[in-house]
Amino acid sequence: MNSISATDITLRGLGVCCAVGNVVVHALLVPDHLEEKFYIGMLFAVGSAVMLVVAAALVSGKRLAAAWLTGTAVSLGMIIGFLLSRTVGLPYGYYEPDWEPPYGPLSLIAEGLFVLVFLTWLGTRPMADAAPVRSRTKGVERIEAARVTQRK
């Protein structure tokens, strides 16, 4: 039987909220960005679709590591794209002079929080994937217990 800890459920729930928040913010911006710079609008649409799949995977509990890694990669990519578009600009003359409140700060919060939740999830994972190590102390304890029992 596979039991899920409360910590895992909480972290996955936070991850889902961040992913869905990211989807909502970027989906709202897709139409304007398709008109302004088509490739930026497409990146927003693809990023939103991927984060929607990530949210579904976190809810279903299937391929959790892949979902967390994908969501983190997309979130970091969006953060980097946001920062570049406001500093040095992006290809084909895409430059944004401001933070586009409330969308810019909200997307940065959702993306940054997703990365932090992933790192927390990574730190709380049991080492179940590691190769099992045979412990000799258990056998020694049983032998010692048997000797004590035989002496009485």
Protein backbone atom coordinates (compact mmCIF):
# COMPACT_ATOMS: atom_id res chain seq x y z
CA MET A 1 0.00 0.00 0.00
CA ASN A 2 1.35 3.41 -0.96
CA SER A 3 0.81 5.99 1.75
CA ILE A 4 1.14 9.69 1.08
CA SER A 5 2.41 11.97 3.81
CA ALA A 6 0.69 15.19 4.78
CA THR A 7 3.85 17.07 3.82
CA ASP A 8 3.79 15.57 0.32
CA ILE A 9 0.12 16.44 -0.13
CA THR A 10 0.72 20.00 1.08
CA LEU A 11 3.71 20.54 -1.18
CA ARG A 12 1.96 19.06 -4.19
CA GLY A 13 -1.08 21.25 -3.45
CA LEU A 14 1.11 24.35 -3.32
CA GLY A 15 2.79 23.28 -6.55
CA VAL A 16 -0.59 22.86 -8.23
CA CYS A 17 -1.71 26.31 -7.04
CA CYS A 18 1.48 27.91 -8.35
CA ALA A 19 1.22 26.08 -11.68
CA VAL A 20 -2.44 27.04 -12.14
CA GLY A 21 -1.69 30.63 -11.13
CA ASN A 22 1.07 30.70 -13.72
CA VAL A 23 -1.34 29.32 -16.34
CA VAL A 24 -4.00 31.93 -15.57
CA VAL A 25 -1.61 34.90 -15.64
CA HIS A 26 0.07 33.88 -18.88
CA ALA A 27 -3.14 32.76 -20.60
CA LEU A 28 -4.59 36.22 -19.98
CA LEU A 29 -1.57 37.78 -21.69
CA VAL A 30 -1.43 35.48 -24.73
CA PRO A 31 -3.77 37.50 -27.01
CA ASP A 32 -1.95 40.82 -26.49
CA HIS A 33 1.46 39.25 -26.91
CA LEU A 34 0.44 37.36 -30.05
CA GLU A 35 -0.32 40.76 -31.60
CA GLU A 36 2.74 42.51 -30.20
CA LYS A 37 5.37 39.78 -30.80
CA PHE A 38 3.95 36.51 -32.07
CA TYR A 39 6.75 34.33 -30.70
CA ILE A 40 6.31 35.74 -27.19
CA GLY A 41 2.58 34.99 -27.32
CA MET A 42 3.37 31.45 -28.50
CA LEU A 43 5.88 30.99 -25.68
CA PHE A 44 3.23 32.12 -23.21
CA ALA A 45 0.69 29.69 -24.71
CA VAL A 46 3.10 26.74 -24.75
CA GLY A 47 4.32 27.53 -21.23
CA SER A 48 0.72 27.69 -20.01
CA ALA A 49 -0.13 24.36 -21.63
CA VAL A 50 2.95 22.69 -20.13
CA MET A 51 2.20 24.07 -16.67
CA LEU A 52 -1.37 22.79 -16.97
CA VAL A 53 0.01 19.30 -17.65
CA VAL A 54 2.39 19.72 -14.70
CA ALA A 55 -0.53 20.63 -12.42
CA ALA A 56 -2.49 17.58 -13.61
CA ALA A 57 0.51 15.32 -12.99
CA LEU A 58 0.97 16.71 -9.48
CA VAL A 59 -2.70 16.09 -8.74
CA SER A 60 -2.67 12.54 -10.14
CA GLY A 61 0.61 11.67 -8.43
CA LYS A 62 2.01 10.06 -11.58
CA ARG A 63 5.57 10.84 -12.64
CA LEU A 64 6.01 13.33 -9.82
CA ALA A 65 9.72 13.85 -10.34
CA ALA A 66 9.21 14.58 -14.04
CA ALA A 67 6.34 16.96 -13.24
CA TRP A 68 8.37 18.85 -10.64
CA LEU A 69 11.43 19.07 -12.88
CA THR A 70 9.42 20.20 -15.90
CA GLY A 71 7.51 22.80 -13.89
CA THR A 72 10.73 24.09 -12.37
CA ALA A 73 12.44 24.33 -15.77
CA VAL A 74 9.47 26.22 -17.25
CA SER A 75 9.23 28.50 -14.20
CA LEU A 76 12.93 29.31 -14.27
CA GLY A 77 12.74 29.91 -18.01
CA MET A 78 9.85 32.32 -17.53
CA ILE A 79 11.66 34.16 -14.73
CA ILE A 80 14.79 34.50 -16.87
CA GLY A 81 12.74 35.60 -19.88
CA PHE A 82 10.94 38.18 -17.77
CA LEU A 83 14.20 39.60 -16.39
CA LEU A 84 15.91 39.63 -19.79
CA SER A 85 12.94 41.34 -21.44
CA ARG A 86 13.22 44.17 -18.92
CA THR A 87 17.00 44.55 -19.01
CA VAL A 88 18.83 43.66 -22.24
CA GLY A 89 15.72 42.72 -24.23
CA LEU A 90 14.86 39.59 -26.18
CA PRO A 91 15.38 38.77 -29.87
CA TYR A 92 13.58 40.78 -32.56
CA GLY A 93 13.47 43.92 -30.47
CA TYR A 94 11.22 42.71 -27.67
CA TYR A 95 11.78 44.98 -24.70
CA GLU A 96 9.37 45.84 -21.89
CA PRO A 97 10.10 49.01 -19.91
CA ASP A 98 8.04 48.15 -16.81
CA TRP A 99 6.87 45.25 -14.64
CA GLU A 100 3.34 45.18 -16.10
CA PRO A 101 1.55 45.25 -12.75
CA PRO A 102 -0.22 43.15 -11.59
CA TYR A 103 0.73 40.43 -14.10
CA GLY A 104 4.51 40.70 -13.87
CA PRO A 105 4.78 40.52 -10.07
CA LEU A 106 2.08 37.82 -9.86
CA SER A 107 3.83 35.63 -12.41
CA LEU A 108 7.18 36.06 -10.66
CA ILE A 109 5.60 35.09 -7.33
CA ALA A 110 3.93 31.99 -8.81
CA GLU A 111 7.08 30.90 -10.65
CA GLY A 112 9.49 31.62 -7.81
CA LEU A 113 7.26 29.92 -5.27
CA PHE A 114 6.94 26.86 -7.53
CA VAL A 115 10.74 26.53 -7.59
CA LEU A 116 10.97 26.92 -3.80
CA VAL A 117 8.22 24.33 -3.24
CA PHE A 118 10.02 21.94 -5.59
CA LEU A 119 13.26 22.36 -3.62
CA THR A 120 11.37 21.73 -0.39
CA TRP A 121 9.74 18.63 -1.90
CA LEU A 122 13.14 17.43 -3.05
CA GLY A 123 14.53 17.85 0.46
CA THR A 124 11.70 15.92 2.10
CA ARG A 125 11.73 12.92 -0.26
CA PRO A 126 12.65 9.64 1.35
CA MET A 127 15.66 7.97 -0.13
CA ALA A 128 13.53 5.13 -1.50
CA ASP A 129 15.23 5.34 -4.87
CA ALA A 130 18.64 4.67 -3.39
CA ALA A 131 20.08 1.17 -3.58
CA PRO A 132 19.24 -0.85 -0.48
CA VAL A 133 22.12 -1.32 1.91
CA ARG A 134 22.24 -4.52 3.91
CA SER A 135 22.76 -3.68 7.55
CA ARG A 136 24.88 -6.06 9.58
CA THR A 137 23.85 -4.54 12.89
CA LYS A 138 20.36 -6.04 12.72
CA GLY A 139 21.79 -9.55 12.47
CA VAL A 140 24.25 -8.87 15.27
CA GLU A 141 21.45 -7.60 17.50
CA ARG A 142 19.42 -10.74 16.83
CA ILE A 143 22.39 -12.97 17.64
CA GLU A 144 23.09 -11.01 20.84
CA ALA A 145 19.41 -11.23 21.83
CA ALA A 146 19.45 -14.99 21.20
CA ARG A 147 22.56 -15.43 23.38
CA VAL A 148 20.96 -13.45 26.21
CA THR A 149 17.78 -15.56 25.91
CA GLN A 150 19.78 -18.81 25.95
CA ARG A 151 21.73 -17.81 29.09
CA LYS A 152 18.56 -17.30 31.13
